[in-house]
Amino acid sequence: MRRLPASRPKDCVDATARDTWPVFVIGLCSIAIAMWRFPAWRWLTLAAFGLLLLEVIAFMLLGYVDLAVWLGSFVFALLLGATLVVAGHTLWRLIDPNRLVLLPPTRDACLDVVFKVRNRVSLANHARVFSATSAPALRQSTASWLESLGDRDLDIRAQNMIVAEHYIRQFPQLKASGRDWMGHVRLSAASR
C-alpha cells in the first residue's frame, strides 16, 4: 500500500529512473566523504590499499607475476562488487513505493523521505557530492514540507553527530536517543 502524500517539497525534484546516475554518483561520493572525514577509516583505507600495492609490486619483483595478477584481480573484483552493491541500493531506493528520493534542482545532493506505517516518517541516505552547496537548502525545504503535512512522527538515523546536529537545527523537536546497531545516531520525536 502506497503511503506517499500528494504534495512535494518546494524547490526539490522527486527522483525518477532518469535520475539513476546522479543518485548513484551521490551514493559513491557519500561513501568516499564518510571514509575521508573520519581519521580511523581514512588511515585504515590508505594503509590497506598501500599494503596491497606493495604486495603486488613485491610479487612482480620476485617473479610471481601470476600471483600479482590474481591479487590485483581480487582487489578489482572487490571494488566492482562494492560498486554493484551501491548501484543495487540506488535502484531499490528509486523503486520503493513508499520512498521519495528528493534532489535539489542542481542534483548534487539527495535525501530520502520514507513514509512508514502509523504515520511515521523517516529521513535516510542524506548525501551529497564533493562540491555540493545545496544540501542545507534541501534539508530546509524538506523540513518545511514535512511540517505542512501535519501530524507525523519523525524517526531519523543520522550517519554521525555532525549530520544529527544539522537535523536538530532544522527539526527542533528532535532529540538524540542513542545509536542503532550500525552506529547511526537515532533522532526521534512525535510531531506536534
N, C-alpha and C. Protein backbone atom coordinates (compact mmCIF):
# COMPACT_ATOMS: atom_id res chain seq x y z
N MET A 1 0.83 -1.18 0.00
CA MET A 1 0.00 0.00 0.00
C MET A 1 0.89 1.25 0.00
N ARG A 2 0.65 2.14 -0.95
CA ARG A 2 1.42 3.37 -1.05
C ARG A 2 0.98 4.36 0.01
N ARG A 3 1.95 4.97 0.68
CA ARG A 3 1.66 5.93 1.74
C ARG A 3 2.18 7.32 1.41
N LEU A 4 2.52 7.59 0.16
CA LEU A 4 3.08 8.89 -0.20
C LEU A 4 2.00 9.96 -0.25
N PRO A 5 2.30 11.16 0.26
CA PRO A 5 1.33 12.26 0.14
C PRO A 5 1.31 12.80 -1.28
N ALA A 6 0.27 13.54 -1.59
CA ALA A 6 0.13 14.10 -2.94
C ALA A 6 1.08 15.27 -3.17
N SER A 7 1.40 16.02 -2.12
CA SER A 7 2.26 17.19 -2.29
C SER A 7 3.73 16.80 -2.30
N ARG A 8 4.55 17.74 -2.73
CA ARG A 8 6.00 17.55 -2.75
C ARG A 8 6.67 18.81 -2.20
N PRO A 9 7.90 18.70 -1.70
CA PRO A 9 8.59 19.89 -1.18
C PRO A 9 8.86 20.92 -2.27
N LYS A 10 8.84 22.16 -1.87
CA LYS A 10 9.14 23.26 -2.79
C LYS A 10 10.63 23.24 -3.11
N ASP A 11 10.99 23.57 -4.32
CA ASP A 11 12.38 23.65 -4.77
C ASP A 11 13.12 22.32 -4.70
N CYS A 12 12.40 21.22 -4.85
CA CYS A 12 13.01 19.88 -4.86
C CYS A 12 12.48 19.10 -6.06
N VAL A 13 13.27 18.16 -6.50
CA VAL A 13 12.88 17.28 -7.59
C VAL A 13 12.70 15.89 -7.03
N ASP A 14 11.59 15.26 -7.35
CA ASP A 14 11.33 13.88 -6.95
C ASP A 14 12.07 12.99 -7.96
N ALA A 15 13.09 12.27 -7.52
CA ALA A 15 13.93 11.47 -8.42
C ALA A 15 13.12 10.36 -9.08
N THR A 16 13.40 10.15 -10.34
CA THR A 16 12.78 9.06 -11.11
C THR A 16 13.90 8.21 -11.71
N ALA A 17 13.53 7.28 -12.55
CA ALA A 17 14.52 6.41 -13.19
C ALA A 17 15.54 7.21 -14.00
N ARG A 18 15.13 8.38 -14.52
CA ARG A 18 16.07 9.22 -15.27
C ARG A 18 17.18 9.77 -14.39
N ASP A 19 16.94 9.80 -13.09
CA ASP A 19 17.93 10.34 -12.15
C ASP A 19 18.79 9.25 -11.52
N THR A 20 18.81 8.07 -12.09
CA THR A 20 19.59 6.97 -11.53
C THR A 20 21.07 7.32 -11.43
N TRP A 21 21.62 7.90 -12.49
CA TRP A 21 23.05 8.22 -12.49
C TRP A 21 23.42 9.26 -11.42
N PRO A 22 22.71 10.41 -11.32
CA PRO A 22 23.07 11.35 -10.26
C PRO A 22 22.93 10.75 -8.86
N VAL A 23 21.89 9.97 -8.61
CA VAL A 23 21.70 9.36 -7.28
C VAL A 23 22.82 8.35 -7.01
N PHE A 24 23.23 7.59 -8.03
CA PHE A 24 24.33 6.63 -7.89
C PHE A 24 25.65 7.35 -7.57
N VAL A 25 25.94 8.42 -8.28
CA VAL A 25 27.17 9.18 -8.05
C VAL A 25 27.17 9.81 -6.66
N ILE A 26 26.02 10.33 -6.23
CA ILE A 26 25.91 10.90 -4.89
C ILE A 26 26.18 9.81 -3.85
N GLY A 27 25.67 8.60 -4.08
CA GLY A 27 25.92 7.49 -3.16
C GLY A 27 27.40 7.14 -3.06
N LEU A 28 28.08 7.07 -4.19
CA LEU A 28 29.51 6.77 -4.17
C LEU A 28 30.30 7.88 -3.47
N CYS A 29 29.94 9.13 -3.77
CA CYS A 29 30.64 10.26 -3.13
C CYS A 29 30.41 10.26 -1.63
N SER A 30 29.21 9.91 -1.19
CA SER A 30 28.94 9.92 0.25
C SER A 30 29.79 8.89 0.98
N ILE A 31 30.05 7.75 0.34
CA ILE A 31 30.92 6.74 0.94
C ILE A 31 32.34 7.28 1.04
N ALA A 32 32.82 7.90 -0.05
CA ALA A 32 34.17 8.47 -0.03
C ALA A 32 34.30 9.58 1.00
N ILE A 33 33.28 10.45 1.10
CA ILE A 33 33.31 11.53 2.09
C ILE A 33 33.33 10.96 3.50
N ALA A 34 32.49 9.96 3.74
CA ALA A 34 32.43 9.35 5.08
C ALA A 34 33.77 8.71 5.44
N MET A 35 34.39 8.03 4.49
CA MET A 35 35.66 7.38 4.76
C MET A 35 36.77 8.41 4.98
N TRP A 36 36.72 9.51 4.28
CA TRP A 36 37.78 10.51 4.41
C TRP A 36 37.60 11.37 5.65
N ARG A 37 36.34 11.62 6.05
CA ARG A 37 36.07 12.51 7.17
C ARG A 37 36.54 11.94 8.51
N PHE A 38 36.49 10.63 8.67
CA PHE A 38 36.87 10.01 9.94
C PHE A 38 38.29 9.48 9.84
N PRO A 39 39.21 10.00 10.66
CA PRO A 39 40.62 9.65 10.54
C PRO A 39 40.90 8.15 10.61
N ALA A 40 40.19 7.43 11.47
CA ALA A 40 40.46 5.99 11.58
C ALA A 40 40.14 5.28 10.27
N TRP A 41 39.00 5.60 9.67
CA TRP A 41 38.65 4.98 8.39
C TRP A 41 39.61 5.40 7.29
N ARG A 42 39.98 6.69 7.30
CA ARG A 42 40.89 7.21 6.27
C ARG A 42 42.21 6.47 6.30
N TRP A 43 42.82 6.36 7.49
CA TRP A 43 44.13 5.72 7.59
C TRP A 43 44.05 4.22 7.36
N LEU A 44 42.97 3.60 7.78
CA LEU A 44 42.78 2.17 7.52
C LEU A 44 42.69 1.90 6.02
N THR A 45 41.92 2.73 5.32
CA THR A 45 41.77 2.56 3.87
C THR A 45 43.10 2.81 3.16
N LEU A 46 43.77 3.90 3.51
CA LEU A 46 45.06 4.19 2.88
C LEU A 46 46.08 3.09 3.16
N ALA A 47 46.11 2.59 4.39
CA ALA A 47 47.06 1.53 4.74
C ALA A 47 46.74 0.24 3.99
N ALA A 48 45.46 -0.11 3.91
CA ALA A 48 45.08 -1.35 3.22
C ALA A 48 45.46 -1.30 1.74
N PHE A 49 45.10 -0.19 1.07
CA PHE A 49 45.44 -0.10 -0.36
C PHE A 49 46.94 0.04 -0.57
N GLY A 50 47.63 0.73 0.33
CA GLY A 50 49.09 0.83 0.23
C GLY A 50 49.76 -0.53 0.37
N LEU A 51 49.31 -1.32 1.34
CA LEU A 51 49.88 -2.67 1.53
C LEU A 51 49.58 -3.58 0.35
N LEU A 52 48.37 -3.48 -0.19
CA LEU A 52 48.05 -4.30 -1.36
C LEU A 52 48.92 -3.92 -2.55
N LEU A 53 49.14 -2.64 -2.74
CA LEU A 53 50.01 -2.20 -3.83
C LEU A 53 51.44 -2.69 -3.62
N LEU A 54 51.94 -2.61 -2.39
CA LEU A 54 53.29 -3.12 -2.10
C LEU A 54 53.37 -4.63 -2.34
N GLU A 55 52.33 -5.36 -1.98
CA GLU A 55 52.33 -6.81 -2.22
C GLU A 55 52.38 -7.12 -3.70
N VAL A 56 51.58 -6.41 -4.49
CA VAL A 56 51.58 -6.65 -5.94
C VAL A 56 52.96 -6.36 -6.51
N ILE A 57 53.58 -5.26 -6.11
CA ILE A 57 54.92 -4.90 -6.60
C ILE A 57 55.94 -5.95 -6.15
N ALA A 58 55.87 -6.38 -4.89
CA ALA A 58 56.81 -7.39 -4.39
C ALA A 58 56.66 -8.70 -5.13
N PHE A 59 55.43 -9.14 -5.37
CA PHE A 59 55.22 -10.39 -6.11
C PHE A 59 55.77 -10.29 -7.52
N MET A 60 55.61 -9.14 -8.16
CA MET A 60 56.12 -8.99 -9.53
C MET A 60 57.65 -8.99 -9.53
N LEU A 61 58.27 -8.32 -8.55
CA LEU A 61 59.73 -8.28 -8.48
C LEU A 61 60.32 -9.65 -8.16
N LEU A 62 59.60 -10.45 -7.39
CA LEU A 62 60.07 -11.79 -7.03
C LEU A 62 59.74 -12.83 -8.10
N GLY A 63 59.08 -12.40 -9.15
CA GLY A 63 58.79 -13.32 -10.25
C GLY A 63 57.46 -14.04 -10.14
N TYR A 64 56.65 -13.69 -9.17
CA TYR A 64 55.34 -14.32 -9.02
C TYR A 64 54.28 -13.46 -9.72
N VAL A 65 54.43 -13.33 -11.02
CA VAL A 65 53.53 -12.47 -11.79
C VAL A 65 52.10 -12.98 -11.72
N ASP A 66 51.92 -14.31 -11.80
CA ASP A 66 50.57 -14.88 -11.73
C ASP A 66 49.88 -14.52 -10.41
N LEU A 67 50.63 -14.59 -9.32
CA LEU A 67 50.07 -14.24 -8.02
C LEU A 67 49.75 -12.75 -7.94
N ALA A 68 50.60 -11.91 -8.53
CA ALA A 68 50.35 -10.46 -8.55
C ALA A 68 49.10 -10.15 -9.36
N VAL A 69 48.94 -10.82 -10.50
CA VAL A 69 47.75 -10.61 -11.33
C VAL A 69 46.50 -11.09 -10.58
N TRP A 70 46.62 -12.23 -9.90
CA TRP A 70 45.47 -12.75 -9.16
C TRP A 70 45.07 -11.78 -8.04
N LEU A 71 46.05 -11.26 -7.30
CA LEU A 71 45.77 -10.32 -6.22
C LEU A 71 45.17 -9.02 -6.77
N GLY A 72 45.72 -8.52 -7.86
CA GLY A 72 45.16 -7.32 -8.49
C GLY A 72 43.73 -7.55 -8.97
N SER A 73 43.48 -8.73 -9.53
CA SER A 73 42.13 -9.08 -9.98
C SER A 73 41.17 -9.18 -8.80
N PHE A 74 41.66 -9.73 -7.69
CA PHE A 74 40.83 -9.85 -6.49
C PHE A 74 40.43 -8.48 -5.96
N VAL A 75 41.37 -7.54 -5.90
CA VAL A 75 41.09 -6.18 -5.44
C VAL A 75 40.10 -5.50 -6.39
N PHE A 76 40.31 -5.68 -7.70
CA PHE A 76 39.40 -5.11 -8.69
C PHE A 76 37.99 -5.68 -8.50
N ALA A 77 37.89 -7.00 -8.27
CA ALA A 77 36.59 -7.64 -8.07
C ALA A 77 35.90 -7.10 -6.81
N LEU A 78 36.68 -6.87 -5.75
CA LEU A 78 36.09 -6.29 -4.53
C LEU A 78 35.54 -4.90 -4.79
N LEU A 79 36.30 -4.07 -5.49
CA LEU A 79 35.84 -2.71 -5.80
C LEU A 79 34.62 -2.74 -6.72
N LEU A 80 34.63 -3.63 -7.70
CA LEU A 80 33.50 -3.77 -8.60
C LEU A 80 32.26 -4.25 -7.83
N GLY A 81 32.46 -5.20 -6.93
CA GLY A 81 31.35 -5.69 -6.12
C GLY A 81 30.75 -4.60 -5.26
N ALA A 82 31.59 -3.78 -4.64
CA ALA A 82 31.10 -2.67 -3.82
C ALA A 82 30.32 -1.68 -4.68
N THR A 83 30.81 -1.41 -5.88
CA THR A 83 30.12 -0.51 -6.79
C THR A 83 28.76 -1.07 -7.19
N LEU A 84 28.70 -2.38 -7.43
CA LEU A 84 27.43 -3.01 -7.79
C LEU A 84 26.44 -2.98 -6.62
N VAL A 85 26.94 -3.10 -5.40
CA VAL A 85 26.06 -3.00 -4.23
C VAL A 85 25.45 -1.60 -4.16
N VAL A 86 26.26 -0.57 -4.38
CA VAL A 86 25.75 0.80 -4.37
C VAL A 86 24.74 0.99 -5.50
N ALA A 87 25.00 0.42 -6.67
CA ALA A 87 24.07 0.52 -7.80
C ALA A 87 22.74 -0.17 -7.46
N GLY A 88 22.81 -1.35 -6.86
CA GLY A 88 21.59 -2.06 -6.46
C GLY A 88 20.80 -1.29 -5.43
N HIS A 89 21.50 -0.70 -4.46
CA HIS A 89 20.84 0.10 -3.44
C HIS A 89 20.17 1.32 -4.07
N THR A 90 20.83 1.93 -5.04
CA THR A 90 20.26 3.08 -5.74
C THR A 90 18.97 2.69 -6.45
N LEU A 91 18.99 1.57 -7.16
CA LEU A 91 17.78 1.12 -7.87
C LEU A 91 16.66 0.81 -6.89
N TRP A 92 17.00 0.15 -5.78
CA TRP A 92 15.98 -0.19 -4.79
C TRP A 92 15.34 1.08 -4.23
N ARG A 93 16.16 2.10 -3.95
CA ARG A 93 15.63 3.36 -3.43
C ARG A 93 14.66 4.00 -4.42
N LEU A 94 14.97 3.95 -5.70
CA LEU A 94 14.14 4.60 -6.70
C LEU A 94 12.84 3.85 -6.98
N ILE A 95 12.79 2.54 -6.72
CA ILE A 95 11.54 1.80 -6.99
C ILE A 95 10.70 1.54 -5.74
N ASP A 96 11.22 1.89 -4.55
CA ASP A 96 10.46 1.70 -3.32
C ASP A 96 9.19 2.56 -3.39
N PRO A 97 8.00 1.95 -3.27
CA PRO A 97 6.76 2.71 -3.44
C PRO A 97 6.44 3.68 -2.30
N ASN A 98 7.10 3.55 -1.17
CA ASN A 98 6.83 4.42 -0.02
C ASN A 98 7.99 5.36 0.29
N ARG A 99 8.81 5.63 -0.71
CA ARG A 99 10.01 6.45 -0.53
C ARG A 99 10.06 7.52 -1.61
N LEU A 100 10.38 8.72 -1.17
CA LEU A 100 10.69 9.80 -2.11
C LEU A 100 12.18 10.07 -2.02
N VAL A 101 12.86 10.02 -3.14
CA VAL A 101 14.26 10.42 -3.19
C VAL A 101 14.25 11.84 -3.73
N LEU A 102 14.56 12.78 -2.84
CA LEU A 102 14.48 14.19 -3.20
C LEU A 102 15.86 14.73 -3.58
N LEU A 103 15.88 15.50 -4.66
CA LEU A 103 17.11 16.13 -5.15
C LEU A 103 16.87 17.63 -5.28
N PRO A 104 17.90 18.45 -5.04
CA PRO A 104 17.76 19.88 -5.36
C PRO A 104 17.81 20.03 -6.88
N PRO A 105 17.43 21.18 -7.41
CA PRO A 105 17.48 21.37 -8.87
C PRO A 105 18.88 21.13 -9.46
N THR A 106 19.93 21.36 -8.66
CA THR A 106 21.29 21.15 -9.16
C THR A 106 21.68 19.67 -9.18
N ARG A 107 20.89 18.82 -8.54
CA ARG A 107 21.11 17.36 -8.47
C ARG A 107 22.50 17.01 -7.92
N ASP A 108 22.92 17.73 -6.88
CA ASP A 108 24.22 17.45 -6.27
C ASP A 108 24.10 16.96 -4.83
N ALA A 109 22.88 16.73 -4.37
CA ALA A 109 22.64 16.18 -3.03
C ALA A 109 21.34 15.40 -3.09
N CYS A 110 21.10 14.56 -2.11
CA CYS A 110 19.83 13.85 -2.07
C CYS A 110 19.43 13.56 -0.62
N LEU A 111 18.15 13.32 -0.45
CA LEU A 111 17.58 13.00 0.84
C LEU A 111 16.37 12.11 0.59
N ASP A 112 16.34 10.95 1.24
CA ASP A 112 15.21 10.04 1.10
C ASP A 112 14.21 10.31 2.22
N VAL A 113 12.95 10.40 1.86
CA VAL A 113 11.87 10.53 2.84
C VAL A 113 11.05 9.25 2.71
N VAL A 114 11.04 8.46 3.79
CA VAL A 114 10.36 7.17 3.78
C VAL A 114 9.11 7.28 4.63
N PHE A 115 7.97 6.97 4.04
CA PHE A 115 6.69 7.01 4.75
C PHE A 115 6.36 5.60 5.21
N LYS A 116 6.29 5.44 6.52
CA LYS A 116 6.08 4.13 7.13
C LYS A 116 4.67 4.03 7.69
N VAL A 117 4.36 2.88 8.26
CA VAL A 117 3.04 2.68 8.85
C VAL A 117 2.86 3.55 10.08
N ARG A 118 1.62 3.75 10.48
CA ARG A 118 1.25 4.52 11.67
C ARG A 118 1.80 5.95 11.64
N ASN A 119 1.74 6.57 10.48
CA ASN A 119 2.12 7.99 10.33
C ASN A 119 3.57 8.30 10.70
N ARG A 120 4.45 7.32 10.56
CA ARG A 120 5.87 7.56 10.84
C ARG A 120 6.58 7.96 9.56
N VAL A 121 7.49 8.91 9.70
CA VAL A 121 8.31 9.36 8.57
C VAL A 121 9.76 9.24 8.98
N SER A 122 10.56 8.68 8.10
CA SER A 122 11.98 8.54 8.36
C SER A 122 12.76 9.23 7.24
N LEU A 123 13.81 9.92 7.61
CA LEU A 123 14.71 10.51 6.62
C LEU A 123 15.97 9.66 6.57
N ALA A 124 16.42 9.34 5.37
CA ALA A 124 17.56 8.45 5.22
C ALA A 124 18.41 8.87 4.03
N ASN A 125 19.60 8.31 3.96
CA ASN A 125 20.50 8.49 2.81
C ASN A 125 20.75 9.95 2.48
N HIS A 126 20.94 10.75 3.50
CA HIS A 126 21.29 12.16 3.30
C HIS A 126 22.72 12.19 2.78
N ALA A 127 22.91 12.62 1.54
CA ALA A 127 24.24 12.55 0.94
C ALA A 127 24.42 13.69 -0.06
N ARG A 128 25.66 13.88 -0.45
CA ARG A 128 25.99 14.94 -1.40
C ARG A 128 27.25 14.56 -2.15
N VAL A 129 27.50 15.26 -3.26
CA VAL A 129 28.76 15.10 -3.96
C VAL A 129 29.78 16.00 -3.29
N PHE A 130 31.04 15.91 -3.69
CA PHE A 130 32.12 16.62 -3.00
C PHE A 130 31.93 18.12 -2.93
N SER A 131 31.53 18.76 -4.01
CA SER A 131 31.47 20.22 -4.04
C SER A 131 30.06 20.77 -3.87
N ALA A 132 29.14 19.98 -3.36
CA ALA A 132 27.75 20.41 -3.26
C ALA A 132 27.57 21.52 -2.24
N THR A 133 26.69 22.45 -2.56
CA THR A 133 26.34 23.53 -1.64
C THR A 133 24.85 23.57 -1.35
N SER A 134 24.08 22.69 -1.97
CA SER A 134 22.62 22.76 -1.85
C SER A 134 22.03 21.84 -0.80
N ALA A 135 22.84 21.08 -0.07
CA ALA A 135 22.30 20.15 0.94
C ALA A 135 21.52 20.86 2.04
N PRO A 136 22.00 21.99 2.60
CA PRO A 136 21.20 22.67 3.64
C PRO A 136 19.84 23.15 3.12
N ALA A 137 19.79 23.68 1.90
CA ALA A 137 18.52 24.13 1.34
C ALA A 137 17.57 22.95 1.12
N LEU A 138 18.12 21.81 0.71
CA LEU A 138 17.30 20.61 0.53
C LEU A 138 16.70 20.18 1.87
N ARG A 139 17.52 20.16 2.93
CA ARG A 139 17.01 19.79 4.25
C ARG A 139 15.94 20.77 4.72
N GLN A 140 16.18 22.07 4.52
CA GLN A 140 15.22 23.07 4.97
C GLN A 140 13.91 22.96 4.21
N SER A 141 13.98 22.78 2.92
CA SER A 141 12.76 22.63 2.12
C SER A 141 11.98 21.39 2.55
N THR A 142 12.70 20.30 2.82
CA THR A 142 12.05 19.07 3.28
C THR A 142 11.43 19.27 4.66
N ALA A 143 12.13 19.98 5.54
CA ALA A 143 11.60 20.22 6.89
C ALA A 143 10.31 21.04 6.81
N SER A 144 10.29 22.08 6.00
CA SER A 144 9.08 22.91 5.86
C SER A 144 7.93 22.09 5.30
N TRP A 145 8.23 21.26 4.33
CA TRP A 145 7.20 20.43 3.71
C TRP A 145 6.63 19.42 4.71
N LEU A 146 7.51 18.78 5.48
CA LEU A 146 7.03 17.80 6.45
C LEU A 146 6.16 18.46 7.52
N GLU A 147 6.52 19.68 7.94
CA GLU A 147 5.69 20.40 8.91
C GLU A 147 4.31 20.69 8.33
N SER A 148 4.24 20.97 7.03
CA SER A 148 2.95 21.27 6.40
C SER A 148 2.07 20.02 6.26
N LEU A 149 2.66 18.84 6.36
CA LEU A 149 1.88 17.61 6.23
C LEU A 149 1.06 17.29 7.47
N GLY A 150 1.36 17.95 8.57
CA GLY A 150 0.57 17.74 9.78
C GLY A 150 1.19 16.73 10.71
N ASP A 151 0.35 15.94 11.35
CA ASP A 151 0.74 15.06 12.44
C ASP A 151 1.50 13.83 11.94
N ARG A 152 2.82 13.90 12.00
CA ARG A 152 3.69 12.79 11.60
C ARG A 152 4.75 12.59 12.67
N ASP A 153 5.11 11.35 12.92
CA ASP A 153 6.19 11.04 13.85
C ASP A 153 7.49 10.92 13.08
N LEU A 154 8.48 11.72 13.44
CA LEU A 154 9.78 11.66 12.77
C LEU A 154 10.66 10.63 13.46
N ASP A 155 11.31 9.82 12.67
CA ASP A 155 12.23 8.81 13.18
C ASP A 155 13.42 8.80 12.23
N ILE A 156 14.54 9.37 12.67
CA ILE A 156 15.68 9.60 11.78
C ILE A 156 16.92 8.93 12.35
N ARG A 157 17.73 8.38 11.47
CA ARG A 157 19.03 7.85 11.86
C ARG A 157 20.08 8.61 11.07
N ALA A 158 20.83 9.45 11.77
CA ALA A 158 21.85 10.27 11.14
C ALA A 158 23.17 9.50 11.09
N GLN A 159 23.92 9.71 10.03
CA GLN A 159 25.18 9.00 9.82
C GLN A 159 26.17 9.25 10.95
N ASN A 160 26.18 10.48 11.46
CA ASN A 160 27.11 10.83 12.53
C ASN A 160 26.55 12.03 13.28
N MET A 161 27.25 12.47 14.29
CA MET A 161 26.76 13.57 15.13
C MET A 161 26.71 14.89 14.38
N ILE A 162 27.58 15.09 13.39
CA ILE A 162 27.56 16.32 12.59
C ILE A 162 26.24 16.43 11.83
N VAL A 163 25.83 15.33 11.17
CA VAL A 163 24.56 15.32 10.43
C VAL A 163 23.40 15.41 11.42
N ALA A 164 23.50 14.74 12.57
CA ALA A 164 22.44 14.80 13.59
C ALA A 164 22.21 16.24 14.04
N GLU A 165 23.29 17.00 14.21
CA GLU A 165 23.14 18.41 14.62
C GLU A 165 22.45 19.24 13.55
N HIS A 166 22.71 18.93 12.27
CA HIS A 166 22.00 19.62 11.18
C HIS A 166 20.50 19.33 11.28
N TYR A 167 20.14 18.07 11.48
CA TYR A 167 18.73 17.71 11.60
C TYR A 167 18.09 18.39 12.80
N ILE A 168 18.77 18.42 13.93
CA ILE A 168 18.21 19.01 15.15
C ILE A 168 17.98 20.50 14.96
N ARG A 169 18.88 21.19 14.22
CA ARG A 169 18.68 22.62 13.94
C ARG A 169 17.42 22.83 13.10
N GLN A 170 17.18 21.95 12.14
CA GLN A 170 16.06 22.14 11.24
C GLN A 170 14.76 21.49 11.74
N PHE A 171 14.87 20.55 12.65
CA PHE A 171 13.70 19.93 13.29
C PHE A 171 13.91 20.04 14.80
N PRO A 172 13.57 21.20 15.40
CA PRO A 172 13.87 21.41 16.82
C PRO A 172 13.22 20.38 17.75
N GLN A 173 12.16 19.71 17.31
CA GLN A 173 11.50 18.73 18.17
C GLN A 173 12.29 17.42 18.29
N LEU A 174 13.33 17.25 17.49
CA LEU A 174 14.11 16.02 17.53
C LEU A 174 15.09 16.02 18.70
N LYS A 175 15.29 14.86 19.25
CA LYS A 175 16.28 14.65 20.31
C LYS A 175 17.05 13.38 19.99
N ALA A 176 18.34 13.38 20.29
CA ALA A 176 19.15 12.17 20.11
C ALA A 176 18.72 11.15 21.16
N SER A 177 18.48 9.93 20.73
CA SER A 177 18.03 8.89 21.66
C SER A 177 18.88 7.63 21.53
N GLY A 178 20.19 7.80 21.40
CA GLY A 178 21.09 6.65 21.32
C GLY A 178 21.54 6.37 19.90
N ARG A 179 22.07 5.17 19.72
CA ARG A 179 22.57 4.75 18.41
C ARG A 179 21.92 3.43 18.02
N ASP A 180 21.79 3.22 16.71
CA ASP A 180 21.24 1.94 16.25
C ASP A 180 22.38 0.93 16.10
N TRP A 181 22.08 -0.25 15.59
CA TRP A 181 23.06 -1.33 15.51
C TRP A 181 24.21 -1.02 14.56
N MET A 182 24.04 -0.03 13.66
CA MET A 182 25.11 0.34 12.74
C MET A 182 25.92 1.54 13.23
N GLY A 183 25.57 2.06 14.41
CA GLY A 183 26.28 3.19 14.95
C GLY A 183 25.71 4.54 14.55
N HIS A 184 24.60 4.55 13.80
CA HIS A 184 23.97 5.81 13.41
C HIS A 184 23.30 6.43 14.63
N VAL A 185 23.33 7.77 14.68
CA VAL A 185 22.68 8.49 15.77
C VAL A 185 21.17 8.48 15.52
N ARG A 186 20.43 7.98 16.49
CA ARG A 186 18.98 7.90 16.33
C ARG A 186 18.34 9.15 16.88
N LEU A 187 17.52 9.80 16.06
CA LEU A 187 16.80 11.02 16.43
C LEU A 187 15.31 10.72 16.32
N SER A 188 14.57 11.07 17.33
CA SER A 188 13.13 10.82 17.24
C SER A 188 12.37 11.82 18.07
N ALA A 189 11.11 12.04 17.65
CA ALA A 189 10.18 12.90 18.38
C ALA A 189 8.82 12.76 17.71
N ALA A 190 7.79 12.87 18.48
CA ALA A 190 6.44 12.89 17.91
C ALA A 190 6.16 14.30 17.40
N SER A 191 5.49 14.40 16.30
CA SER A 191 5.12 15.72 15.77
C SER A 191 4.11 16.38 16.68
N ARG A 192 4.06 17.69 16.56
CA ARG A 192 3.11 18.43 17.40
C ARG A 192 1.70 18.07 17.05
